[in-house]
Amino acid sequence: MTDLAEPSPRPVINATGVVIHTNLGRAPLSDAALAAADAVGRGYSDLEIDLGTGRRGSRQAHLQSLLRRITGAEAALAVNNNASALLLGLSALAAGREVIVSRGEAVEIGGGFRIPDVLRQSGCTLVDVGTTNRTYVRDYADAMTEQTGAFLKAHASNFKVEGFTAFVGERELVALGESSGVPVLHDVGSGALLPTDRYGLAHEPTPQESIAAGVGLVFFSGDKLLGGPQAGIVVGKRDLVTRLERHPLARAVRIDKMSLASLTATLAHYAMGEAENKVPVWRMISTSAEDVRARADNWRAALATHQVQTGVEPARSAIGGGSLPGETLPSWTLSVDPSPDRSPEAVLSALRDHSTPVIARIADDTVRLDPRTVLPEQDDDVIRAIATVMAR
């Protein structure tokens, strides 16, 4: 019965250095996003009522103006996750028809989620064109028939294809689609609303770029680089978004009130130009290696008072979450030296078993903790956990 009374999932401290850690719940929310979810969760809200007229309203109205302003799209829609968003888009626009996809973009992401399977589930027929490493606009043109319902581009967010490669850009595909009335759908995945190359990372495609290129619908996640709650976001042309809104599946995948509130609050950070400072994911990414080292040095000094031997070592932080594969940030870690009778694996396990579990990693036979992904208010908890574990 004690186990039943304990809340689950439990909060943990992410000291792995992986910013968007899928197994740890992806993006932590901003204070404003948490407050917004708490406010609507504690009581009633104007979720689907127009306070001006007293009549029924749309839950989508709460975020549409924000998404239009941020991305430049004509219209927007949010559902419960990005897989649902893509399934809804394909079902509403191309069920019973053919969807043309580059062979190099018929991807699989985590959990066995495959683009071909989603197409099949939505009632579409996959027509793959080109090769794994090279696809040209003529490949799409040659595959078009009277049954073509859409072109689909899917960003390869969790792997890289390098070397002898060629892929068709959004503008080229839009031009081909406009000449024949075929919409272009683009799944950009991670939902980066800020330019990643500003932080020394590779460029990640943004929804804004796809909209500017004329793409019909753009799909992306809410809980990856956007830094909000789990959600699937669709932005694009008004007539296409309207078709999604009116499809029966839209009801089955609609976003709940608490996710909607926290997503709206997160988007407001972008609209006000404060995302880098307010959204935890971007605060972690933008933190300099020098600042990370300063925190690691503080941890080391504090643990020395508990007679715990530690070091500070250079490291690399990863973005994670199927975003920016292979891209890392320079960082520093606190290294905890295991005792002769205690392996690094045993220390790692004991940290996970602490009252506030700390998730770390092992490198060079030592336990490593990266301050970059530890929230500042968790520093004392990390120090306490290490001191307790090493005193046993």
Protein backbone atom coordinates (compact mmCIF):
# COMPACT_ATOMS: atom_id res chain seq x y z
CA MET A 1 0.00 0.00 0.00
CA THR A 2 2.94 2.33 0.64
CA ASP A 3 4.01 1.94 -2.99
CA LEU A 4 0.51 2.81 -4.15
CA ALA A 5 0.59 6.06 -2.18
CA GLU A 6 3.84 7.23 -3.75
CA PRO A 7 3.41 9.44 -6.82
CA SER A 8 4.69 8.13 -10.12
CA PRO A 9 6.45 9.17 -12.30
CA ARG A 10 8.93 10.59 -9.79
CA PRO A 11 11.01 13.73 -10.27
CA VAL A 12 14.68 12.99 -10.93
CA ILE A 13 17.78 15.13 -11.42
CA ASN A 14 19.29 14.91 -14.88
CA ALA A 15 23.07 15.07 -14.53
CA THR A 16 23.76 13.18 -17.76
CA GLY A 17 24.52 16.24 -19.89
CA VAL A 18 21.80 15.22 -22.37
CA VAL A 19 19.57 18.29 -22.60
CA ILE A 20 16.45 16.70 -24.09
CA HIS A 21 16.55 13.26 -22.48
CA THR A 22 13.67 11.18 -23.82
CA ASN A 23 13.77 8.65 -20.97
CA LEU A 24 13.68 11.49 -18.42
CA GLY A 25 10.65 13.24 -19.90
CA ARG A 26 12.30 15.47 -22.51
CA ALA A 27 12.04 19.23 -21.95
CA PRO A 28 11.62 20.68 -18.44
CA LEU A 29 9.04 23.46 -18.39
CA SER A 30 9.52 27.13 -17.60
CA ASP A 31 8.11 28.62 -14.41
CA ALA A 32 5.43 30.41 -16.44
CA ALA A 33 4.43 27.19 -18.22
CA LEU A 34 4.13 25.33 -14.91
CA ALA A 35 2.11 28.15 -13.37
CA ALA A 36 -0.24 28.23 -16.36
CA ALA A 37 -0.90 24.48 -16.17
CA ASP A 38 -1.40 24.67 -12.41
CA ALA A 39 -3.88 27.53 -12.73
CA VAL A 40 -6.20 25.77 -15.17
CA GLY A 41 -5.75 22.40 -13.48
CA ARG A 42 -6.89 23.61 -10.06
CA GLY A 43 -10.26 24.83 -11.24
CA TYR A 44 -12.29 25.75 -14.27
CA SER A 45 -11.06 27.76 -17.26
CA ASP A 46 -12.22 29.43 -20.46
CA LEU A 47 -10.99 26.41 -22.44
CA GLU A 48 -13.89 26.38 -24.89
CA ILE A 49 -15.99 29.44 -24.09
CA ASP A 50 -15.87 32.89 -25.64
CA LEU A 51 -15.99 35.17 -22.61
CA GLY A 52 -17.14 38.06 -24.79
CA THR A 53 -20.24 36.35 -26.18
CA GLY A 54 -20.76 33.61 -23.62
CA ARG A 55 -20.97 31.09 -26.45
CA ARG A 56 -18.88 28.02 -27.16
CA GLY A 57 -15.39 28.79 -28.40
CA SER A 58 -12.41 26.81 -29.69
CA ARG A 59 -9.53 25.62 -27.54
CA GLN A 60 -7.25 26.27 -30.50
CA ALA A 61 -7.98 30.01 -30.30
CA HIS A 62 -5.73 30.30 -27.24
CA LEU A 63 -2.54 29.69 -29.21
CA GLN A 64 -3.34 30.43 -32.84
CA SER A 65 -2.35 34.09 -32.77
CA LEU A 66 0.93 33.26 -31.01
CA LEU A 67 1.86 30.59 -33.53
CA ARG A 68 0.92 32.81 -36.47
CA ARG A 69 3.08 35.60 -35.07
CA ILE A 70 6.08 33.39 -34.32
CA THR A 71 6.10 31.29 -37.51
CA GLY A 72 4.48 33.58 -40.07
CA ALA A 73 1.85 30.95 -40.89
CA GLU A 74 -1.74 31.71 -41.87
CA ALA A 75 -3.21 29.25 -39.36
CA ALA A 76 -2.23 26.81 -36.63
CA LEU A 77 -3.43 23.77 -34.72
CA ALA A 78 -2.12 21.82 -31.71
CA VAL A 79 -2.80 18.17 -30.85
CA ASN A 80 -1.43 15.76 -28.27
CA ASN A 81 1.87 14.84 -29.98
CA ASN A 82 3.68 15.15 -33.27
CA ALA A 83 2.97 11.60 -34.41
CA SER A 84 -0.74 12.37 -34.01
CA ALA A 85 -0.30 15.64 -35.90
CA LEU A 86 1.28 13.88 -38.87
CA LEU A 87 -1.31 11.09 -38.81
CA LEU A 88 -4.09 13.69 -38.76
CA GLY A 89 -2.55 15.67 -41.60
CA LEU A 90 -2.13 12.66 -43.86
CA SER A 91 -5.60 11.31 -43.04
CA ALA A 92 -7.28 14.64 -43.73
CA LEU A 93 -5.45 15.51 -46.94
CA ALA A 94 -4.37 12.31 -48.65
CA ALA A 95 -6.34 9.26 -47.41
CA GLY A 96 -6.88 6.86 -50.30
CA ARG A 97 -4.24 8.63 -52.38
CA GLU A 98 -0.50 8.46 -52.97
CA VAL A 99 2.08 10.38 -50.94
CA ILE A 100 5.51 10.82 -52.49
CA VAL A 101 8.49 10.63 -50.12
CA SER A 102 12.23 10.62 -50.77
CA ARG A 103 13.68 7.21 -49.92
CA GLY A 104 16.23 8.93 -47.69
CA GLU A 105 13.42 10.54 -45.66
CA ALA A 106 11.26 7.46 -45.00
CA VAL A 107 12.74 7.48 -41.51
CA GLU A 108 12.28 5.61 -38.26
CA ILE A 109 12.51 7.46 -34.96
CA GLY A 110 12.33 6.21 -31.36
CA GLY A 111 10.01 3.43 -30.32
CA GLY A 112 9.87 1.94 -33.82
CA PHE A 113 7.83 4.88 -35.16
CA ARG A 114 8.22 4.69 -38.95
CA ILE A 115 7.01 7.11 -41.60
CA PRO A 116 5.84 4.25 -43.89
CA ASP A 117 3.74 2.81 -41.06
CA VAL A 118 2.09 6.17 -40.39
CA LEU A 119 1.28 6.53 -44.08
CA ARG A 120 -0.28 3.09 -44.13
CA GLN A 121 -2.32 3.79 -40.98
CA SER A 122 -3.63 7.04 -42.45
CA GLY A 123 -4.92 5.25 -45.53
CA CYS A 124 -2.25 6.64 -47.86
CA THR A 125 -0.05 4.77 -50.29
CA LEU A 126 3.68 5.42 -49.99
CA VAL A 127 5.54 6.16 -53.19
CA ASP A 128 9.25 6.39 -52.39
CA VAL A 129 11.52 8.07 -54.91
CA GLY A 130 15.23 8.62 -55.40
CA THR A 131 17.84 6.75 -53.39
CA THR A 132 18.95 6.75 -49.77
CA ASN A 133 21.61 9.40 -50.40
CA ARG A 134 20.46 11.29 -53.52
CA THR A 135 17.02 12.50 -54.60
CA TYR A 136 16.23 15.12 -57.25
CA VAL A 137 13.12 17.14 -58.00
CA ARG A 138 12.72 15.18 -61.24
CA ASP A 139 12.26 12.03 -59.15
CA TYR A 140 9.16 13.58 -57.58
CA ALA A 141 7.90 14.84 -60.94
CA ASP A 142 8.34 11.45 -62.61
CA ALA A 143 6.39 9.72 -59.82
CA MET A 144 3.37 12.02 -59.98
CA THR A 145 0.02 10.61 -61.10
CA GLU A 146 -3.62 11.64 -60.86
CA GLN A 147 -3.63 9.83 -57.51
CA THR A 148 -0.88 11.96 -55.95
CA GLY A 149 -2.28 13.52 -52.77
CA ALA A 150 0.80 15.15 -51.24
CA PHE A 151 4.56 15.46 -51.14
CA LEU A 152 5.99 14.65 -47.70
CA LYS A 153 9.37 15.79 -46.42
CA ALA A 154 10.60 14.39 -43.10
CA HIS A 155 13.66 15.83 -41.40
CA ALA A 156 16.22 13.16 -40.51
CA SER A 157 16.46 14.37 -36.94
CA ASN A 158 18.20 11.38 -35.37
CA PHE A 159 20.86 10.47 -37.95
CA LYS A 160 23.12 12.07 -40.56
CA VAL A 161 23.65 11.22 -44.21
CA GLU A 162 26.98 12.69 -45.30
CA GLY A 163 29.23 12.59 -48.33
CA PHE A 164 27.78 12.05 -51.82
CA THR A 165 24.29 13.39 -51.14
CA ALA A 166 21.56 15.47 -52.75
CA PHE A 167 18.12 16.30 -51.39
CA VAL A 168 15.33 18.50 -52.69
CA GLY A 169 14.77 21.76 -50.86
CA GLU A 170 11.38 23.01 -49.76
CA ARG A 171 11.18 25.80 -52.34
CA GLU A 172 11.85 23.41 -55.24
CA LEU A 173 9.20 21.01 -54.02
CA VAL A 174 6.68 23.78 -53.40
CA ALA A 175 7.19 25.06 -56.96
CA LEU A 176 6.52 21.58 -58.33
CA GLY A 177 3.48 21.16 -56.11
CA GLU A 178 1.98 24.52 -57.01
CA SER A 179 2.14 23.70 -60.71
CA SER A 180 -0.04 20.65 -60.15
CA GLY A 181 -2.07 21.45 -57.03
CA VAL A 182 -0.20 19.03 -54.75
CA PRO A 183 0.44 20.29 -51.19
CA VAL A 184 3.84 19.92 -49.54
CA LEU A 185 3.86 18.60 -45.96
CA HIS A 186 7.03 18.99 -43.90
CA ASP A 187 7.72 17.21 -40.61
CA VAL A 188 10.59 19.23 -39.10
CA GLY A 189 10.50 17.19 -35.90
CA SER A 190 12.22 19.03 -33.08
CA GLY A 191 10.44 22.38 -33.35
CA ALA A 192 13.47 24.66 -33.12
CA LEU A 193 12.08 28.20 -33.07
CA LEU A 194 15.51 29.74 -32.45
CA PRO A 195 18.51 29.38 -34.80
CA THR A 196 20.67 26.57 -33.42
CA ASP A 197 23.77 27.76 -35.28
CA ARG A 198 23.79 30.78 -32.97
CA TYR A 199 25.08 28.42 -30.26
CA GLY A 200 27.82 26.71 -32.24
CA LEU A 201 25.57 23.86 -33.35
CA ALA A 202 24.63 22.65 -36.81
CA HIS A 203 21.65 24.33 -38.40
CA GLU A 204 18.33 22.72 -37.50
CA PRO A 205 15.43 23.40 -39.88
CA THR A 206 12.86 25.76 -38.38
CA PRO A 207 9.11 26.00 -38.98
CA GLN A 208 9.62 29.66 -39.93
CA GLU A 209 11.89 28.65 -42.83
CA SER A 210 9.41 26.10 -44.15
CA ILE A 211 6.54 28.58 -43.98
CA ALA A 212 8.64 31.20 -45.78
CA ALA A 213 9.34 28.62 -48.50
CA GLY A 214 5.60 28.19 -49.07
CA VAL A 215 5.14 24.75 -47.51
CA GLY A 216 1.47 23.87 -47.06
CA LEU A 217 1.70 22.32 -43.58
CA VAL A 218 4.60 22.10 -41.14
CA PHE A 219 4.57 19.60 -38.24
CA PHE A 220 6.74 19.73 -35.11
CA SER A 221 6.94 18.64 -31.47
CA GLY A 222 6.24 20.78 -28.43
CA ASP A 223 8.56 19.03 -25.96
CA LYS A 224 11.87 18.96 -27.83
CA LEU A 225 13.76 22.10 -28.87
CA LEU A 226 10.64 24.19 -28.46
CA GLY A 227 10.97 23.44 -24.74
CA GLY A 228 7.31 23.03 -23.85
CA PRO A 229 4.94 20.19 -22.96
CA GLN A 230 4.27 17.15 -25.12
CA ALA A 231 2.26 18.36 -28.09
CA GLY A 232 2.10 18.16 -31.86
CA ILE A 233 1.92 21.49 -33.63
CA VAL A 234 0.74 22.14 -37.17
CA VAL A 235 1.18 25.50 -38.89
CA GLY A 236 0.50 26.41 -42.48
CA LYS A 237 -2.05 27.50 -45.02
CA ARG A 238 -5.49 28.32 -43.67
CA ASP A 239 -7.49 26.08 -46.01
CA LEU A 240 -5.35 23.05 -45.18
CA VAL A 241 -5.42 23.63 -41.42
CA THR A 242 -9.22 23.97 -41.62
CA ARG A 243 -9.45 20.54 -43.24
CA LEU A 244 -7.49 19.08 -40.32
CA GLU A 245 -9.71 20.82 -37.78
CA ARG A 246 -12.84 19.35 -39.38
CA HIS A 247 -11.54 15.80 -39.65
CA PRO A 248 -13.03 13.29 -37.13
CA LEU A 249 -9.55 12.27 -35.99
CA ALA A 250 -8.93 15.79 -34.68
CA ARG A 251 -11.25 15.05 -31.75
CA ALA A 252 -9.38 11.84 -30.90
CA VAL A 253 -5.98 13.54 -30.76
CA ARG A 254 -6.91 16.94 -29.34
CA ILE A 255 -4.66 18.61 -26.79
CA ASP A 256 -5.76 18.69 -23.13
CA LYS A 257 -6.29 21.88 -21.15
CA MET A 258 -3.13 21.70 -19.02
CA SER A 259 -0.83 20.99 -21.97
CA LEU A 260 -2.55 23.76 -23.91
CA ALA A 261 -2.01 26.25 -21.09
CA SER A 262 1.67 25.39 -20.64
CA LEU A 263 2.27 25.38 -24.40
CA THR A 264 0.68 28.82 -24.74
CA ALA A 265 2.87 30.15 -21.90
CA THR A 266 5.97 28.65 -23.54
CA LEU A 267 5.13 30.20 -26.90
CA ALA A 268 4.68 33.56 -25.19
CA HIS A 269 8.38 33.46 -24.24
CA TYR A 270 9.25 33.33 -27.93
CA ALA A 271 6.79 36.05 -28.87
CA MET A 272 8.33 38.32 -26.22
CA GLY A 273 11.92 37.51 -27.24
CA GLU A 274 12.82 35.95 -23.89
CA ALA A 275 13.03 32.24 -24.76
CA GLU A 276 16.80 31.99 -24.30
CA ASN A 277 16.52 33.14 -20.70
CA LYS A 278 13.14 31.68 -19.73
CA VAL A 279 12.87 28.32 -21.51
CA PRO A 280 15.07 25.80 -19.62
CA VAL A 281 16.17 23.92 -22.75
CA TRP A 282 17.55 27.09 -24.33
CA ARG A 283 19.01 28.30 -21.06
CA MET A 284 20.97 25.04 -20.86
CA ILE A 285 22.08 25.18 -24.50
CA SER A 286 23.18 28.82 -24.26
CA THR A 287 25.14 28.36 -21.01
CA SER A 288 28.87 28.77 -21.65
CA ALA A 289 31.37 26.04 -20.81
CA GLU A 290 32.99 28.48 -18.37
CA ASP A 291 29.75 28.84 -16.42
CA VAL A 292 29.28 25.07 -16.35
CA ARG A 293 32.81 24.66 -14.98
CA ALA A 294 32.15 27.25 -12.28
CA ARG A 295 29.20 25.19 -11.01
CA ALA A 296 31.25 21.98 -11.12
CA ASP A 297 34.00 23.72 -9.13
CA ASN A 298 31.41 24.80 -6.55
CA TRP A 299 30.16 21.23 -6.25
CA ARG A 300 33.71 19.99 -5.78
CA ALA A 301 34.42 22.54 -3.05
CA ALA A 302 31.20 21.70 -1.22
CA LEU A 303 31.88 17.96 -1.37
CA ALA A 304 35.41 18.44 -0.05
CA THR A 305 33.86 19.53 3.24
CA HIS A 306 32.24 16.07 3.35
CA GLN A 307 35.62 14.39 2.64
CA VAL A 308 34.41 13.24 -0.80
CA GLN A 309 37.17 13.10 -3.41
CA THR A 310 36.08 14.52 -6.77
CA GLY A 311 37.59 16.13 -9.85
CA VAL A 312 36.45 18.45 -12.60
CA GLU A 313 36.97 17.15 -16.14
CA PRO A 314 36.23 18.49 -19.65
CA ALA A 315 33.31 16.83 -21.41
CA ARG A 316 30.72 17.24 -24.15
CA SER A 317 26.99 17.76 -23.57
CA ALA A 318 24.52 16.31 -26.08
CA ILE A 319 21.24 17.81 -27.28
CA GLY A 320 19.33 14.50 -27.39
CA GLY A 321 15.65 13.88 -28.02
CA GLY A 322 16.22 13.02 -31.67
CA SER A 323 17.51 16.54 -32.30
CA LEU A 324 20.81 17.58 -33.88
CA PRO A 325 22.37 14.09 -34.14
CA GLY A 326 26.08 14.06 -33.42
CA GLU A 327 26.09 17.68 -32.25
CA THR A 328 27.60 18.41 -28.84
CA LEU A 329 28.45 21.39 -26.67
CA PRO A 330 31.73 21.87 -24.78
CA SER A 331 31.11 21.26 -21.10
CA TRP A 332 32.64 20.15 -17.79
CA THR A 333 31.70 17.34 -15.44
CA LEU A 334 32.23 16.54 -11.81
CA SER A 335 33.99 13.17 -11.58
CA VAL A 336 33.40 11.07 -8.49
CA ASP A 337 36.21 8.65 -7.67
CA PRO A 338 34.85 5.28 -6.56
CA SER A 339 36.40 3.65 -3.52
CA PRO A 340 38.46 0.44 -3.95
CA ASP A 341 35.57 -1.69 -2.70
CA ARG A 342 32.91 0.09 -4.74
CA SER A 343 32.54 0.10 -8.51
CA PRO A 344 31.34 3.08 -10.58
CA GLU A 345 28.23 1.05 -11.42
CA ALA A 346 27.46 0.67 -7.72
CA VAL A 347 27.78 4.43 -7.16
CA LEU A 348 25.59 5.12 -10.18
CA SER A 349 22.95 2.72 -8.84
CA ALA A 350 23.08 4.28 -5.36
CA LEU A 351 22.55 7.75 -6.84
CA ARG A 352 19.47 6.49 -8.66
CA ASP A 353 18.24 4.99 -5.39
CA HIS A 354 18.58 8.27 -3.47
CA SER A 355 15.44 9.96 -2.12
CA THR A 356 15.77 12.40 -5.01
CA PRO A 357 17.18 10.16 -7.75
CA VAL A 358 20.22 11.54 -9.56
CA ILE A 359 20.84 10.19 -13.05
CA ALA A 360 24.51 10.39 -14.01
CA ARG A 361 26.82 8.45 -16.35
CA ILE A 362 30.15 6.63 -16.37
CA ALA A 363 33.21 7.69 -18.36
CA ASP A 364 36.80 6.50 -17.92
CA ASP A 365 35.75 4.32 -14.98
CA THR A 366 34.42 7.25 -12.96
CA VAL A 367 30.94 8.57 -12.31
CA ARG A 368 30.41 11.85 -14.15
CA LEU A 369 27.80 14.54 -13.48
CA ASP A 370 27.29 17.39 -15.94
CA PRO A 371 25.92 20.59 -14.32
CA ARG A 372 24.59 21.85 -17.67
CA THR A 373 21.42 19.77 -17.38
CA VAL A 374 20.96 20.20 -13.63
CA LEU A 375 18.57 23.01 -12.74
CA PRO A 376 20.31 25.65 -10.57
CA GLU A 377 17.91 25.09 -7.69
CA GLN A 378 18.93 21.40 -7.64
CA ASP A 379 22.61 22.02 -6.84
CA ASP A 380 22.18 21.40 -3.10
CA ASP A 381 20.27 18.18 -3.82
CA VAL A 382 23.11 16.90 -6.01
CA ILE A 383 25.73 17.68 -3.37
CA ARG A 384 23.61 16.06 -0.67
CA ALA A 385 23.02 12.93 -2.77
CA ILE A 386 26.72 12.44 -3.58
CA ALA A 387 27.77 13.07 0.02
CA THR A 388 25.19 10.60 1.33
CA VAL A 389 26.04 7.89 -1.20
CA MET A 390 29.81 8.17 -0.73
CA ALA A 391 29.49 8.09 3.07
CA ARG A 392 27.91 4.64 3.04
